[in-house]
Amino acid sequence: MKKYEVKITFYSGQKFDFETNSDVRSLNPIEINGARMIMTEEEIGINIIHIKDMKVIERT
């Protein structure tokens, strides 16, 4: 199973790095309480309107 290393920079300047089995580039956002969220298999939820930059590195 492929792993993906995700590096996110938010408009606030905060950075969030994590590893997941989900290719977050191909996930469709879902609406949760009015927020458009990307949800990974590991139940990491990220509100897409706060993302300034996102880099995904595929690991084998």
N, C-alpha and C. Protein backbone atom coordinates (compact mmCIF):
# COMPACT_ATOMS: atom_id res chain seq x y z
N MET A 1 0.84 -1.18 0.00
CA MET A 1 0.00 0.00 0.00
C MET A 1 0.88 1.25 0.00
N LYS A 2 0.51 2.22 -0.81
CA LYS A 2 1.28 3.45 -0.90
C LYS A 2 1.00 4.33 0.30
N LYS A 3 2.03 5.06 0.68
CA LYS A 3 1.90 6.06 1.72
C LYS A 3 2.16 7.42 1.09
N TYR A 4 1.54 8.43 1.62
CA TYR A 4 1.70 9.78 1.12
C TYR A 4 2.12 10.69 2.27
N GLU A 5 3.15 11.47 2.04
CA GLU A 5 3.58 12.48 3.00
C GLU A 5 2.97 13.79 2.54
N VAL A 6 2.22 14.43 3.43
CA VAL A 6 1.49 15.65 3.08
C VAL A 6 2.03 16.80 3.92
N LYS A 7 2.34 17.90 3.24
CA LYS A 7 2.83 19.10 3.91
C LYS A 7 1.89 20.24 3.55
N ILE A 8 1.21 20.78 4.55
CA ILE A 8 0.22 21.83 4.34
C ILE A 8 0.67 23.11 5.02
N THR A 9 0.53 24.21 4.31
CA THR A 9 0.74 25.53 4.88
C THR A 9 -0.61 26.24 4.85
N PHE A 10 -1.01 26.77 6.00
CA PHE A 10 -2.29 27.47 6.10
C PHE A 10 -2.07 28.97 5.92
N TYR A 11 -3.13 29.69 5.57
CA TYR A 11 -3.05 31.14 5.41
C TYR A 11 -2.57 31.83 6.69
N SER A 12 -2.80 31.21 7.84
CA SER A 12 -2.36 31.79 9.12
C SER A 12 -0.86 31.67 9.32
N GLY A 13 -0.19 30.88 8.45
CA GLY A 13 1.25 30.68 8.59
C GLY A 13 1.60 29.36 9.26
N GLN A 14 0.63 28.72 9.87
CA GLN A 14 0.89 27.43 10.52
C GLN A 14 1.16 26.37 9.47
N LYS A 15 1.96 25.39 9.86
CA LYS A 15 2.28 24.27 8.98
C LYS A 15 1.82 22.98 9.64
N PHE A 16 1.39 22.04 8.82
CA PHE A 16 0.89 20.76 9.32
C PHE A 16 1.41 19.68 8.38
N ASP A 17 2.23 18.77 8.91
CA ASP A 17 2.78 17.67 8.14
C ASP A 17 2.26 16.36 8.72
N PHE A 18 1.85 15.44 7.82
CA PHE A 18 1.38 14.14 8.27
C PHE A 18 1.56 13.12 7.18
N GLU A 19 1.46 11.85 7.55
CA GLU A 19 1.54 10.75 6.60
C GLU A 19 0.19 10.04 6.58
N THR A 20 -0.23 9.62 5.39
CA THR A 20 -1.54 9.00 5.24
C THR A 20 -1.51 7.94 4.14
N ASN A 21 -2.49 7.06 4.15
CA ASN A 21 -2.66 6.09 3.08
C ASN A 21 -3.51 6.65 1.94
N SER A 22 -4.11 7.81 2.17
CA SER A 22 -5.02 8.43 1.19
C SER A 22 -4.27 9.45 0.34
N ASP A 23 -4.53 9.43 -0.97
CA ASP A 23 -4.00 10.49 -1.83
C ASP A 23 -4.95 11.67 -1.72
N VAL A 24 -4.60 12.64 -0.90
CA VAL A 24 -5.51 13.75 -0.61
C VAL A 24 -5.82 14.59 -1.85
N ARG A 25 -5.00 14.49 -2.89
CA ARG A 25 -5.26 15.24 -4.13
C ARG A 25 -6.49 14.70 -4.85
N SER A 26 -6.84 13.45 -4.61
CA SER A 26 -7.97 12.84 -5.32
C SER A 26 -9.24 12.76 -4.46
N LEU A 27 -9.19 13.20 -3.22
CA LEU A 27 -10.36 13.13 -2.35
C LEU A 27 -11.33 14.27 -2.65
N ASN A 28 -12.60 13.97 -2.66
CA ASN A 28 -13.62 14.99 -2.83
C ASN A 28 -13.97 15.57 -1.47
N PRO A 29 -14.03 16.90 -1.37
CA PRO A 29 -14.40 17.52 -0.09
C PRO A 29 -15.84 17.17 0.28
N ILE A 30 -16.08 17.05 1.57
CA ILE A 30 -17.43 16.84 2.08
C ILE A 30 -17.79 18.03 2.96
N GLU A 31 -19.07 18.29 3.08
CA GLU A 31 -19.51 19.41 3.90
C GLU A 31 -19.86 18.92 5.30
N ILE A 32 -19.22 19.54 6.29
CA ILE A 32 -19.48 19.22 7.70
C ILE A 32 -19.75 20.54 8.42
N ASN A 33 -20.97 20.72 8.89
CA ASN A 33 -21.38 21.93 9.60
C ASN A 33 -21.01 23.20 8.83
N GLY A 34 -21.20 23.18 7.52
CA GLY A 34 -20.95 24.36 6.69
C GLY A 34 -19.51 24.50 6.22
N ALA A 35 -18.60 23.65 6.67
CA ALA A 35 -17.20 23.71 6.26
C ALA A 35 -16.92 22.63 5.22
N ARG A 36 -16.16 22.96 4.19
CA ARG A 36 -15.77 21.98 3.16
C ARG A 36 -14.47 21.33 3.62
N MET A 37 -14.58 20.04 3.95
CA MET A 37 -13.47 19.31 4.57
C MET A 37 -12.96 18.19 3.67
N ILE A 38 -11.65 17.97 3.73
CA ILE A 38 -11.04 16.78 3.16
C ILE A 38 -10.83 15.82 4.33
N MET A 39 -11.33 14.59 4.20
CA MET A 39 -11.20 13.60 5.27
C MET A 39 -10.35 12.43 4.77
N THR A 40 -9.31 12.06 5.53
CA THR A 40 -8.47 10.93 5.16
C THR A 40 -8.99 9.66 5.81
N GLU A 41 -8.41 8.51 5.44
CA GLU A 41 -8.78 7.23 6.05
C GLU A 41 -8.53 7.24 7.55
N GLU A 42 -7.53 7.99 7.97
CA GLU A 42 -7.17 8.05 9.40
C GLU A 42 -8.01 9.07 10.16
N GLU A 43 -9.03 9.61 9.48
CA GLU A 43 -9.97 10.58 10.05
C GLU A 43 -9.31 11.92 10.39
N ILE A 44 -8.33 12.30 9.57
CA ILE A 44 -7.77 13.64 9.67
C ILE A 44 -8.63 14.53 8.79
N GLY A 45 -9.18 15.57 9.36
CA GLY A 45 -10.06 16.48 8.62
C GLY A 45 -9.41 17.85 8.48
N ILE A 46 -9.42 18.37 7.26
CA ILE A 46 -8.80 19.67 7.00
C ILE A 46 -9.79 20.51 6.22
N ASN A 47 -10.05 21.71 6.72
CA ASN A 47 -10.94 22.65 6.05
C ASN A 47 -10.18 23.26 4.86
N ILE A 48 -10.67 23.03 3.64
CA ILE A 48 -9.91 23.41 2.45
C ILE A 48 -9.81 24.92 2.25
N ILE A 49 -10.70 25.71 2.84
CA ILE A 49 -10.60 27.16 2.62
C ILE A 49 -9.42 27.78 3.38
N HIS A 50 -8.84 27.05 4.32
CA HIS A 50 -7.71 27.56 5.09
C HIS A 50 -6.36 27.16 4.50
N ILE A 51 -6.36 26.32 3.46
CA ILE A 51 -5.10 25.82 2.89
C ILE A 51 -4.54 26.84 1.89
N LYS A 52 -3.32 27.27 2.16
CA LYS A 52 -2.61 28.17 1.25
C LYS A 52 -1.80 27.35 0.24
N ASP A 53 -1.11 26.32 0.73
CA ASP A 53 -0.26 25.49 -0.11
C ASP A 53 -0.27 24.06 0.41
N MET A 54 -0.27 23.10 -0.51
CA MET A 54 -0.24 21.70 -0.10
C MET A 54 0.69 20.94 -1.04
N LYS A 55 1.64 20.20 -0.44
CA LYS A 55 2.55 19.37 -1.22
C LYS A 55 2.35 17.94 -0.80
N VAL A 56 2.30 17.04 -1.78
CA VAL A 56 2.09 15.62 -1.51
C VAL A 56 3.26 14.85 -2.13
N ILE A 57 3.92 14.04 -1.30
CA ILE A 57 5.03 13.22 -1.76
C ILE A 57 4.60 11.77 -1.63
N GLU A 58 4.65 11.04 -2.75
CA GLU A 58 4.24 9.64 -2.77
C GLU A 58 5.41 8.76 -2.34
N ARG A 59 5.17 7.91 -1.37
CA ARG A 59 6.16 6.95 -0.87
C ARG A 59 5.78 5.55 -1.32
N THR A 60 6.76 4.70 -1.56
CA THR A 60 6.44 3.33 -1.94
C THR A 60 6.92 2.35 -0.90
